[in-house]
Amino acid sequence: MLPTLLHQLPLFDQINFTEEENKLLNKFVKIRVFGKREKILSQGEVEKHFNFIHKGLVRKYYIFENVHEINIQFATEGNIICSSFSYFSGKPSDHFVEAVETVVLLSIEIKDMDFIMSQGDRFTRLGKLLMTQLFLYNEERERDLLIPDAEMRIKYFLTSKPELARRLQQTYIASYLNVKPETFRRLKK
């Protein structure tokens, strides 16, 4: 069951694991299911899992001044999600990871990921691809915020990520784009 699930993720198309390597990898994969609005990770917890999204939609966000939520990442099927800072530093996360919809995650614990990465060239390649993906998420977030005009940021998001725009609440998108919800609603029209 697990080889089929993992290999449905685009990242794994780039690596031709042998049957033996698949068995090794799948020994460490846990299937975790979270309901809508359920916290996958809360602020103050240490991230212990590297998560591949098999099904569903997840958001990563901060709470600013104990009032305002600021969304920093949305991830859907085939993407990875974790508190990168917490995962790599071992320190508590300063943000939340939450299921927007019911989510099925394929998760590997950090101690197991460290072992897996030491098991040969294809696993090292997997590690490099995972780090590249995390880097690209951060670059994408910066790009989305560097568009100087709010109307242009909204237009770009809606045209470049139409599926996300359909699946997310407008307030989540407005927060991600650093615009007020009422401004988002007005400019979206």
N, C-alpha and C. Protein backbone atom coordinates (compact mmCIF):
# COMPACT_ATOMS: atom_id res chain seq x y z
N MET A 1 0.83 -1.21 0.00
CA MET A 1 0.00 0.00 0.00
C MET A 1 0.87 1.27 0.00
N LEU A 2 1.87 1.35 0.86
CA LEU A 2 2.67 2.57 0.95
C LEU A 2 3.49 2.88 -0.29
N PRO A 3 4.11 1.88 -0.97
CA PRO A 3 4.86 2.27 -2.17
C PRO A 3 3.98 3.01 -3.17
N THR A 4 2.75 2.57 -3.32
CA THR A 4 1.83 3.22 -4.24
C THR A 4 1.55 4.65 -3.78
N LEU A 5 1.31 4.86 -2.50
CA LEU A 5 1.03 6.20 -1.99
C LEU A 5 2.22 7.13 -2.18
N LEU A 6 3.40 6.71 -1.76
CA LEU A 6 4.57 7.57 -1.89
C LEU A 6 4.87 7.89 -3.35
N HIS A 7 4.73 6.93 -4.21
CA HIS A 7 5.09 7.15 -5.60
C HIS A 7 4.04 7.92 -6.38
N GLN A 8 2.94 8.25 -5.73
CA GLN A 8 1.98 9.16 -6.35
C GLN A 8 2.43 10.61 -6.17
N LEU A 9 3.40 10.83 -5.31
CA LEU A 9 3.91 12.17 -5.07
C LEU A 9 4.94 12.51 -6.16
N PRO A 10 4.81 13.69 -6.78
CA PRO A 10 5.69 14.06 -7.90
C PRO A 10 7.18 13.96 -7.59
N LEU A 11 7.56 14.25 -6.37
CA LEU A 11 8.97 14.22 -5.98
C LEU A 11 9.58 12.84 -6.23
N PHE A 12 8.81 11.80 -6.00
CA PHE A 12 9.34 10.45 -6.10
C PHE A 12 9.46 9.97 -7.54
N ASP A 13 8.85 10.69 -8.47
CA ASP A 13 9.01 10.36 -9.89
C ASP A 13 10.45 10.59 -10.34
N GLN A 14 11.18 11.42 -9.64
CA GLN A 14 12.53 11.78 -10.03
C GLN A 14 13.59 10.79 -9.54
N ILE A 15 13.17 9.81 -8.74
CA ILE A 15 14.11 8.85 -8.17
C ILE A 15 13.58 7.45 -8.45
N ASN A 16 14.42 6.61 -8.99
CA ASN A 16 14.02 5.22 -9.26
C ASN A 16 14.53 4.32 -8.15
N PHE A 17 13.77 4.27 -7.05
CA PHE A 17 14.15 3.41 -5.94
C PHE A 17 13.98 1.95 -6.35
N THR A 18 14.88 1.13 -5.87
CA THR A 18 14.74 -0.31 -6.07
C THR A 18 13.64 -0.82 -5.13
N GLU A 19 13.21 -2.04 -5.35
CA GLU A 19 12.18 -2.63 -4.48
C GLU A 19 12.68 -2.70 -3.03
N GLU A 20 13.95 -3.05 -2.87
CA GLU A 20 14.53 -3.11 -1.53
C GLU A 20 14.55 -1.73 -0.87
N GLU A 21 14.91 -0.71 -1.64
CA GLU A 21 14.94 0.67 -1.12
C GLU A 21 13.53 1.14 -0.76
N ASN A 22 12.55 0.78 -1.58
CA ASN A 22 11.16 1.11 -1.26
C ASN A 22 10.73 0.49 0.05
N LYS A 23 11.09 -0.76 0.25
CA LYS A 23 10.73 -1.43 1.51
C LYS A 23 11.36 -0.73 2.70
N LEU A 24 12.63 -0.36 2.56
CA LEU A 24 13.32 0.36 3.64
C LEU A 24 12.64 1.69 3.92
N LEU A 25 12.39 2.44 2.89
CA LEU A 25 11.73 3.74 3.06
C LEU A 25 10.37 3.59 3.71
N ASN A 26 9.60 2.65 3.23
CA ASN A 26 8.23 2.49 3.72
C ASN A 26 8.14 1.97 5.15
N LYS A 27 9.23 1.37 5.65
CA LYS A 27 9.25 0.95 7.06
C LYS A 27 9.08 2.15 7.98
N PHE A 28 9.49 3.33 7.51
CA PHE A 28 9.51 4.51 8.36
C PHE A 28 8.36 5.49 8.10
N VAL A 29 7.53 5.19 7.13
CA VAL A 29 6.43 6.09 6.78
C VAL A 29 5.20 5.75 7.63
N LYS A 30 4.64 6.79 8.24
CA LYS A 30 3.40 6.65 9.01
C LYS A 30 2.29 7.41 8.28
N ILE A 31 1.13 6.81 8.23
CA ILE A 31 -0.03 7.52 7.68
C ILE A 31 -0.72 8.21 8.85
N ARG A 32 -0.87 9.54 8.72
CA ARG A 32 -1.55 10.31 9.77
C ARG A 32 -2.69 11.08 9.12
N VAL A 33 -3.84 11.07 9.78
CA VAL A 33 -5.04 11.74 9.26
C VAL A 33 -5.46 12.82 10.25
N PHE A 34 -5.76 14.01 9.71
CA PHE A 34 -6.21 15.15 10.51
C PHE A 34 -7.50 15.69 9.93
N GLY A 35 -8.46 15.98 10.79
CA GLY A 35 -9.72 16.57 10.36
C GLY A 35 -9.60 18.05 10.08
N LYS A 36 -10.62 18.58 9.43
CA LYS A 36 -10.66 20.00 9.09
C LYS A 36 -10.42 20.84 10.34
N ARG A 37 -9.51 21.82 10.23
CA ARG A 37 -9.12 22.76 11.29
C ARG A 37 -8.36 22.12 12.45
N GLU A 38 -7.98 20.88 12.30
CA GLU A 38 -7.20 20.21 13.34
C GLU A 38 -5.73 20.63 13.21
N LYS A 39 -5.11 20.89 14.35
CA LYS A 39 -3.70 21.30 14.36
C LYS A 39 -2.81 20.07 14.11
N ILE A 40 -1.92 20.21 13.17
CA ILE A 40 -0.90 19.21 12.89
C ILE A 40 0.31 19.51 13.77
N LEU A 41 0.57 20.80 13.96
CA LEU A 41 1.63 21.27 14.84
C LEU A 41 1.17 22.59 15.45
N SER A 42 1.37 22.75 16.74
CA SER A 42 1.01 24.00 17.40
C SER A 42 2.26 24.79 17.76
N GLN A 43 2.06 26.08 17.89
CA GLN A 43 3.14 26.96 18.33
C GLN A 43 3.68 26.43 19.65
N GLY A 44 5.00 26.39 19.79
CA GLY A 44 5.62 25.91 21.03
C GLY A 44 5.98 24.44 21.00
N GLU A 45 5.47 23.70 20.04
CA GLU A 45 5.83 22.29 19.90
C GLU A 45 7.06 22.17 19.00
N VAL A 46 7.81 21.10 19.19
CA VAL A 46 8.95 20.83 18.33
C VAL A 46 8.47 19.92 17.20
N GLU A 47 8.81 20.31 15.98
CA GLU A 47 8.43 19.52 14.80
C GLU A 47 9.23 18.22 14.80
N LYS A 48 8.53 17.11 14.72
CA LYS A 48 9.19 15.80 14.72
C LYS A 48 8.96 15.03 13.44
N HIS A 49 8.17 15.59 12.53
CA HIS A 49 7.82 14.87 11.30
C HIS A 49 8.12 15.69 10.05
N PHE A 50 8.55 15.00 9.04
CA PHE A 50 8.61 15.56 7.69
C PHE A 50 7.38 14.98 7.00
N ASN A 51 6.49 15.84 6.50
CA ASN A 51 5.18 15.40 6.03
C ASN A 51 5.02 15.58 4.52
N PHE A 52 4.55 14.53 3.89
CA PHE A 52 4.18 14.56 2.48
C PHE A 52 2.65 14.54 2.45
N ILE A 53 2.03 15.44 1.71
CA ILE A 53 0.57 15.49 1.68
C ILE A 53 0.06 14.55 0.59
N HIS A 54 -0.64 13.54 1.04
CA HIS A 54 -1.26 12.59 0.11
C HIS A 54 -2.62 13.11 -0.35
N LYS A 55 -3.36 13.68 0.60
CA LYS A 55 -4.69 14.20 0.29
C LYS A 55 -4.98 15.37 1.21
N GLY A 56 -5.59 16.42 0.65
CA GLY A 56 -6.04 17.53 1.47
C GLY A 56 -5.24 18.81 1.27
N LEU A 57 -5.55 19.78 2.12
CA LEU A 57 -4.98 21.12 2.05
C LEU A 57 -4.57 21.55 3.45
N VAL A 58 -3.36 22.08 3.56
CA VAL A 58 -2.77 22.47 4.85
C VAL A 58 -2.30 23.91 4.75
N ARG A 59 -2.37 24.62 5.87
CA ARG A 59 -1.81 25.96 5.92
C ARG A 59 -0.83 26.05 7.08
N LYS A 60 0.18 26.92 6.89
CA LYS A 60 1.14 27.22 7.94
C LYS A 60 0.96 28.70 8.24
N TYR A 61 0.84 29.06 9.53
CA TYR A 61 0.59 30.45 9.88
C TYR A 61 1.14 30.82 11.24
N TYR A 62 1.32 32.12 11.42
CA TYR A 62 1.70 32.73 12.70
C TYR A 62 0.47 33.42 13.27
N ILE A 63 0.52 33.67 14.57
CA ILE A 63 -0.46 34.57 15.17
C ILE A 63 0.34 35.78 15.66
N PHE A 64 0.04 36.95 15.07
CA PHE A 64 0.75 38.18 15.37
C PHE A 64 0.01 38.96 16.45
N GLU A 65 0.73 39.34 17.48
CA GLU A 65 0.18 40.10 18.61
C GLU A 65 -1.07 39.43 19.20
N ASN A 66 -1.05 38.10 19.22
CA ASN A 66 -2.14 37.30 19.78
C ASN A 66 -3.50 37.57 19.15
N VAL A 67 -3.52 38.16 17.96
CA VAL A 67 -4.79 38.52 17.33
C VAL A 67 -4.84 38.11 15.87
N HIS A 68 -3.90 38.58 15.09
CA HIS A 68 -3.96 38.44 13.64
C HIS A 68 -3.21 37.19 13.16
N GLU A 69 -3.91 36.37 12.37
CA GLU A 69 -3.26 35.23 11.73
C GLU A 69 -2.59 35.70 10.45
N ILE A 70 -1.36 35.27 10.26
CA ILE A 70 -0.63 35.58 9.03
C ILE A 70 -0.23 34.26 8.38
N ASN A 71 -0.88 33.94 7.29
CA ASN A 71 -0.60 32.70 6.56
C ASN A 71 0.70 32.85 5.79
N ILE A 72 1.56 31.84 5.90
CA ILE A 72 2.84 31.90 5.20
C ILE A 72 3.02 30.78 4.18
N GLN A 73 2.18 29.75 4.24
CA GLN A 73 2.29 28.68 3.25
C GLN A 73 0.97 27.92 3.16
N PHE A 74 0.64 27.53 1.95
CA PHE A 74 -0.45 26.61 1.68
C PHE A 74 0.15 25.43 0.94
N ALA A 75 -0.27 24.23 1.29
CA ALA A 75 0.27 23.04 0.63
C ALA A 75 -0.86 22.05 0.36
N THR A 76 -0.81 21.46 -0.82
CA THR A 76 -1.83 20.51 -1.24
C THR A 76 -1.17 19.18 -1.63
N GLU A 77 -1.97 18.33 -2.23
CA GLU A 77 -1.53 17.01 -2.63
C GLU A 77 -0.20 17.07 -3.38
N GLY A 78 0.71 16.20 -2.96
CA GLY A 78 2.01 16.13 -3.61
C GLY A 78 3.06 17.05 -3.02
N ASN A 79 2.66 17.98 -2.15
CA ASN A 79 3.61 18.91 -1.54
C ASN A 79 4.11 18.36 -0.21
N ILE A 80 5.13 19.04 0.32
CA ILE A 80 5.63 18.71 1.65
C ILE A 80 5.29 19.87 2.58
N ILE A 81 5.16 19.55 3.86
CA ILE A 81 4.86 20.59 4.85
C ILE A 81 5.50 20.19 6.18
N CYS A 82 6.14 21.15 6.80
CA CYS A 82 6.64 20.98 8.17
C CYS A 82 7.12 22.35 8.64
N SER A 83 7.34 22.46 9.91
CA SER A 83 7.98 23.67 10.43
C SER A 83 9.48 23.47 10.23
N SER A 84 9.99 23.99 9.13
CA SER A 84 11.40 23.76 8.76
C SER A 84 12.35 24.19 9.86
N PHE A 85 12.14 25.40 10.40
CA PHE A 85 13.02 25.91 11.44
C PHE A 85 13.05 24.95 12.63
N SER A 86 11.89 24.54 13.09
CA SER A 86 11.81 23.66 14.24
C SER A 86 12.40 22.28 13.92
N TYR A 87 12.07 21.77 12.75
CA TYR A 87 12.55 20.44 12.34
C TYR A 87 14.07 20.38 12.34
N PHE A 88 14.72 21.39 11.75
CA PHE A 88 16.17 21.35 11.62
C PHE A 88 16.91 21.85 12.84
N SER A 89 16.29 22.71 13.64
CA SER A 89 16.98 23.26 14.82
C SER A 89 16.66 22.49 16.10
N GLY A 90 15.53 21.77 16.11
CA GLY A 90 15.11 21.09 17.32
C GLY A 90 14.47 22.02 18.33
N LYS A 91 14.25 23.28 17.94
CA LYS A 91 13.64 24.27 18.82
C LYS A 91 12.13 24.31 18.59
N PRO A 92 11.37 24.82 19.58
CA PRO A 92 9.92 24.92 19.41
C PRO A 92 9.54 25.80 18.22
N SER A 93 8.47 25.40 17.57
CA SER A 93 7.96 26.15 16.43
C SER A 93 7.31 27.45 16.89
N ASP A 94 7.46 28.49 16.09
CA ASP A 94 6.78 29.74 16.42
C ASP A 94 5.54 29.93 15.55
N HIS A 95 5.13 28.90 14.86
CA HIS A 95 3.91 28.99 14.08
C HIS A 95 3.11 27.69 14.17
N PHE A 96 1.98 27.68 13.53
CA PHE A 96 1.05 26.55 13.54
C PHE A 96 1.02 25.93 12.15
N VAL A 97 0.73 24.63 12.10
CA VAL A 97 0.43 23.94 10.86
C VAL A 97 -0.94 23.30 11.09
N GLU A 98 -1.89 23.61 10.20
CA GLU A 98 -3.28 23.22 10.42
C GLU A 98 -3.92 22.67 9.14
N ALA A 99 -4.77 21.67 9.30
CA ALA A 99 -5.52 21.11 8.18
C ALA A 99 -6.64 22.08 7.82
N VAL A 100 -6.70 22.50 6.57
CA VAL A 100 -7.79 23.35 6.08
C VAL A 100 -8.95 22.45 5.69
N GLU A 101 -8.63 21.29 5.16
CA GLU A 101 -9.58 20.23 4.81
C GLU A 101 -9.09 18.97 5.53
N THR A 102 -9.86 17.91 5.48
CA THR A 102 -9.36 16.64 5.99
C THR A 102 -8.08 16.30 5.22
N VAL A 103 -7.05 15.91 5.97
CA VAL A 103 -5.73 15.71 5.38
C VAL A 103 -5.21 14.32 5.70
N VAL A 104 -4.60 13.70 4.71
CA VAL A 104 -3.87 12.45 4.90
C VAL A 104 -2.40 12.76 4.63
N LEU A 105 -1.58 12.57 5.67
CA LEU A 105 -0.15 12.83 5.56
C LEU A 105 0.62 11.51 5.58
N LEU A 106 1.68 11.48 4.81
CA LEU A 106 2.67 10.40 4.88
C LEU A 106 3.85 11.03 5.59
N SER A 107 4.09 10.62 6.83
CA SER A 107 5.06 11.30 7.69
C SER A 107 6.24 10.40 8.05
N ILE A 108 7.41 11.04 8.10
CA ILE A 108 8.63 10.35 8.53
C ILE A 108 9.23 11.17 9.67
N GLU A 109 9.53 10.50 10.78
CA GLU A 109 10.12 11.20 11.92
C GLU A 109 11.56 11.59 11.63
N ILE A 110 12.01 12.64 12.28
CA ILE A 110 13.34 13.19 12.02
C ILE A 110 14.44 12.16 12.24
N LYS A 111 14.36 11.39 13.30
CA LYS A 111 15.40 10.40 13.58
C LYS A 111 15.46 9.36 12.47
N ASP A 112 14.30 9.01 11.94
CA ASP A 112 14.23 8.04 10.85
C ASP A 112 14.71 8.66 9.54
N MET A 113 14.40 9.93 9.31
CA MET A 113 14.84 10.61 8.09
C MET A 113 16.36 10.69 8.06
N ASP A 114 16.96 10.97 9.21
CA ASP A 114 18.43 11.02 9.28
C ASP A 114 19.03 9.67 8.88
N PHE A 115 18.45 8.59 9.39
CA PHE A 115 18.93 7.25 9.04
C PHE A 115 18.73 6.97 7.55
N ILE A 116 17.55 7.29 7.05
CA ILE A 116 17.24 7.04 5.63
C ILE A 116 18.24 7.75 4.73
N MET A 117 18.55 9.01 5.03
CA MET A 117 19.45 9.79 4.18
C MET A 117 20.86 9.21 4.13
N SER A 118 21.19 8.36 5.08
CA SER A 118 22.53 7.77 5.11
C SER A 118 22.61 6.44 4.37
N GLN A 119 21.53 6.05 3.71
CA GLN A 119 21.46 4.71 3.14
C GLN A 119 21.78 4.61 1.65
N GLY A 120 22.44 5.58 1.10
CA GLY A 120 22.88 5.45 -0.28
C GLY A 120 22.53 6.65 -1.14
N ASP A 121 23.02 6.59 -2.37
CA ASP A 121 22.92 7.72 -3.29
C ASP A 121 21.49 8.16 -3.58
N ARG A 122 20.58 7.23 -3.78
CA ARG A 122 19.20 7.63 -4.11
C ARG A 122 18.54 8.33 -2.92
N PHE A 123 18.87 7.89 -1.72
CA PHE A 123 18.31 8.54 -0.54
C PHE A 123 18.94 9.92 -0.33
N THR A 124 20.23 10.05 -0.65
CA THR A 124 20.88 11.36 -0.60
C THR A 124 20.21 12.29 -1.61
N ARG A 125 19.91 11.76 -2.80
CA ARG A 125 19.21 12.55 -3.82
C ARG A 125 17.84 12.99 -3.32
N LEU A 126 17.14 12.09 -2.64
CA LEU A 126 15.83 12.43 -2.05
C LEU A 126 16.01 13.61 -1.08
N GLY A 127 17.01 13.54 -0.22
CA GLY A 127 17.26 14.63 0.72
C GLY A 127 17.51 15.95 0.02
N LYS A 128 18.29 15.92 -1.04
CA LYS A 128 18.57 17.14 -1.80
C LYS A 128 17.29 17.69 -2.44
N LEU A 129 16.47 16.80 -2.97
CA LEU A 129 15.20 17.25 -3.58
C LEU A 129 14.27 17.85 -2.53
N LEU A 130 14.24 17.28 -1.34
CA LEU A 130 13.41 17.81 -0.27
C LEU A 130 13.89 19.20 0.15
N MET A 131 15.20 19.37 0.29
CA MET A 131 15.75 20.68 0.67
C MET A 131 15.48 21.71 -0.44
N THR A 132 15.60 21.29 -1.68
CA THR A 132 15.30 22.18 -2.80
C THR A 132 13.85 22.62 -2.74
N GLN A 133 12.95 21.69 -2.46
CA GLN A 133 11.52 22.03 -2.38
C GLN A 133 11.26 23.05 -1.27
N LEU A 134 11.87 22.86 -0.12
CA LEU A 134 11.70 23.83 0.97
C LEU A 134 12.23 25.20 0.57
N PHE A 135 13.37 25.23 -0.09
CA PHE A 135 13.94 26.49 -0.56
C PHE A 135 13.00 27.16 -1.55
N LEU A 136 12.44 26.39 -2.47
CA LEU A 136 11.54 26.95 -3.47
C LEU A 136 10.27 27.51 -2.84
N TYR A 137 9.74 26.85 -1.81
CA TYR A 137 8.56 27.39 -1.11
C TYR A 137 8.87 28.77 -0.53
N ASN A 138 10.05 28.89 0.08
CA ASN A 138 10.42 30.19 0.67
C ASN A 138 10.58 31.25 -0.41
N GLU A 139 11.20 30.90 -1.51
CA GLU A 139 11.37 31.85 -2.62
C GLU A 139 10.01 32.28 -3.19
N GLU A 140 9.10 31.32 -3.30
CA GLU A 140 7.77 31.63 -3.82
C GLU A 140 7.05 32.61 -2.89
N ARG A 141 7.15 32.38 -1.61
CA ARG A 141 6.52 33.28 -0.63
C ARG A 141 7.10 34.69 -0.75
N GLU A 142 8.40 34.79 -0.85
CA GLU A 142 9.04 36.11 -1.00
C GLU A 142 8.56 36.79 -2.28
N ARG A 143 8.53 36.05 -3.38
CA ARG A 143 8.09 36.62 -4.65
C ARG A 143 6.65 37.13 -4.54
N ASP A 144 5.79 36.33 -3.93
CA ASP A 144 4.39 36.73 -3.80
C ASP A 144 4.23 38.03 -3.03
N LEU A 145 5.12 38.27 -2.07
CA LEU A 145 5.04 39.49 -1.27
C LEU A 145 5.79 40.67 -1.88
N LEU A 146 6.71 40.40 -2.78
CA LEU A 146 7.50 41.48 -3.37
C LEU A 146 6.78 42.21 -4.50
N ILE A 147 5.69 41.63 -4.98
CA ILE A 147 4.90 42.34 -5.98
C ILE A 147 4.37 43.58 -5.27
N PRO A 148 4.74 44.77 -5.75
CA PRO A 148 4.51 45.99 -4.98
C PRO A 148 3.05 46.40 -4.81
N ASP A 149 2.21 46.06 -5.71
CA ASP A 149 0.85 46.53 -5.71
C ASP A 149 -0.11 45.42 -5.25
N ALA A 150 -1.00 45.71 -4.29
CA ALA A 150 -1.93 44.71 -3.77
C ALA A 150 -2.79 44.10 -4.87
N GLU A 151 -3.27 44.92 -5.77
CA GLU A 151 -4.11 44.41 -6.86
C GLU A 151 -3.33 43.43 -7.73
N MET A 152 -2.06 43.73 -7.99
CA MET A 152 -1.22 42.83 -8.78
C MET A 152 -0.95 41.53 -8.03
N ARG A 153 -0.73 41.61 -6.70
CA ARG A 153 -0.50 40.39 -5.90
C ARG A 153 -1.72 39.49 -5.96
N ILE A 154 -2.90 40.09 -5.83
CA ILE A 154 -4.14 39.32 -5.86
C ILE A 154 -4.33 38.68 -7.24
N LYS A 155 -4.17 39.46 -8.28
CA LYS A 155 -4.33 38.95 -9.64
C LYS A 155 -3.35 37.81 -9.91
N TYR A 156 -2.11 38.00 -9.51
CA TYR A 156 -1.10 36.97 -9.73
C TYR A 156 -1.47 35.68 -8.99
N PHE A 157 -1.87 35.80 -7.74
CA PHE A 157 -2.24 34.61 -6.95
C PHE A 157 -3.41 33.88 -7.60
N LEU A 158 -4.45 34.63 -7.97
CA LEU A 158 -5.66 34.02 -8.54
C LEU A 158 -5.39 33.34 -9.88
N THR A 159 -4.49 33.91 -10.68
CA THR A 159 -4.22 33.32 -11.99
C THR A 159 -3.16 32.21 -11.92
N SER A 160 -2.21 32.33 -11.01
CA SER A 160 -1.16 31.32 -10.94
C SER A 160 -1.53 30.14 -10.04
N LYS A 161 -2.50 30.33 -9.16
CA LYS A 161 -2.89 29.26 -8.22
C LYS A 161 -4.42 29.13 -8.17
N PRO A 162 -5.06 28.88 -9.31
CA PRO A 162 -6.53 28.87 -9.32
C PRO A 162 -7.15 27.80 -8.43
N GLU A 163 -6.51 26.63 -8.32
CA GLU A 163 -7.07 25.59 -7.47
C GLU A 163 -7.04 26.00 -6.00
N LEU A 164 -5.93 26.59 -5.58
CA LEU A 164 -5.84 27.09 -4.20
C LEU A 164 -6.89 28.17 -3.96
N ALA A 165 -7.06 29.06 -4.93
CA ALA A 165 -8.05 30.14 -4.80
C ALA A 165 -9.45 29.59 -4.61
N ARG A 166 -9.74 28.47 -5.26
CA ARG A 166 -11.07 27.84 -5.10
C ARG A 166 -11.24 27.16 -3.75
N ARG A 167 -10.16 26.60 -3.22
CA ARG A 167 -10.25 25.77 -2.03
C ARG A 167 -10.06 26.55 -0.72
N LEU A 168 -9.53 27.76 -0.80
CA LEU A 168 -9.21 28.52 0.41
C LEU A 168 -10.25 29.60 0.70
N GLN A 169 -10.40 29.90 1.98
CA GLN A 169 -11.20 31.05 2.37
C GLN A 169 -10.49 32.32 1.91
N GLN A 170 -11.26 33.31 1.54
CA GLN A 170 -10.68 34.57 1.08
C GLN A 170 -9.83 35.24 2.16
N THR A 171 -10.23 35.08 3.42
CA THR A 171 -9.44 35.69 4.50
C THR A 171 -8.05 35.07 4.59
N TYR A 172 -7.93 33.77 4.29
CA TYR A 172 -6.62 33.12 4.31
C TYR A 172 -5.73 33.68 3.20
N ILE A 173 -6.31 33.84 2.02
CA ILE A 173 -5.54 34.37 0.89
C ILE A 173 -5.13 35.82 1.16
N ALA A 174 -6.06 36.61 1.67
CA ALA A 174 -5.75 38.01 1.98
C ALA A 174 -4.59 38.09 2.97
N SER A 175 -4.62 37.26 4.00
CA SER A 175 -3.55 37.25 4.98
C SER A 175 -2.21 36.87 4.33
N TYR A 176 -2.22 35.87 3.49
CA TYR A 176 -1.01 35.43 2.80
C TYR A 176 -0.42 36.55 1.94
N LEU A 177 -1.30 37.31 1.29
CA LEU A 177 -0.87 38.38 0.39
C LEU A 177 -0.65 39.72 1.09
N ASN A 178 -0.86 39.72 2.41
CA ASN A 178 -0.67 40.93 3.21
C ASN A 178 -1.59 42.08 2.77
N VAL A 179 -2.86 41.73 2.58
CA VAL A 179 -3.88 42.75 2.31
C VAL A 179 -5.05 42.51 3.26
N LYS A 180 -5.80 43.55 3.54
CA LYS A 180 -6.96 43.42 4.41
C LYS A 180 -8.05 42.63 3.68
N PRO A 181 -8.83 41.84 4.41
CA PRO A 181 -9.88 41.04 3.77
C PRO A 181 -10.84 41.87 2.92
N GLU A 182 -11.20 43.06 3.42
CA GLU A 182 -12.13 43.90 2.65
C GLU A 182 -11.48 44.41 1.36
N THR A 183 -10.19 44.68 1.43
CA THR A 183 -9.45 45.10 0.23
C THR A 183 -9.39 43.94 -0.76
N PHE A 184 -9.15 42.75 -0.25
CA PHE A 184 -9.11 41.57 -1.12
C PHE A 184 -10.43 41.39 -1.85
N ARG A 185 -11.54 41.44 -1.09
CA ARG A 185 -12.87 41.26 -1.70
C ARG A 185 -13.14 42.34 -2.77
N ARG A 186 -12.78 43.56 -2.47
CA ARG A 186 -13.01 44.66 -3.41
C ARG A 186 -12.16 44.51 -4.67
N LEU A 187 -10.89 44.23 -4.50
CA LEU A 187 -9.99 44.13 -5.65
C LEU A 187 -10.18 42.84 -6.45
N LYS A 188 -10.68 41.81 -5.80
CA LYS A 188 -10.92 40.55 -6.50
C LYS A 188 -11.97 40.73 -7.59
N LYS A 189 -12.93 41.61 -7.34
CA LYS A 189 -14.00 41.85 -8.31
C LYS A 189 -13.44 42.60 -9.50
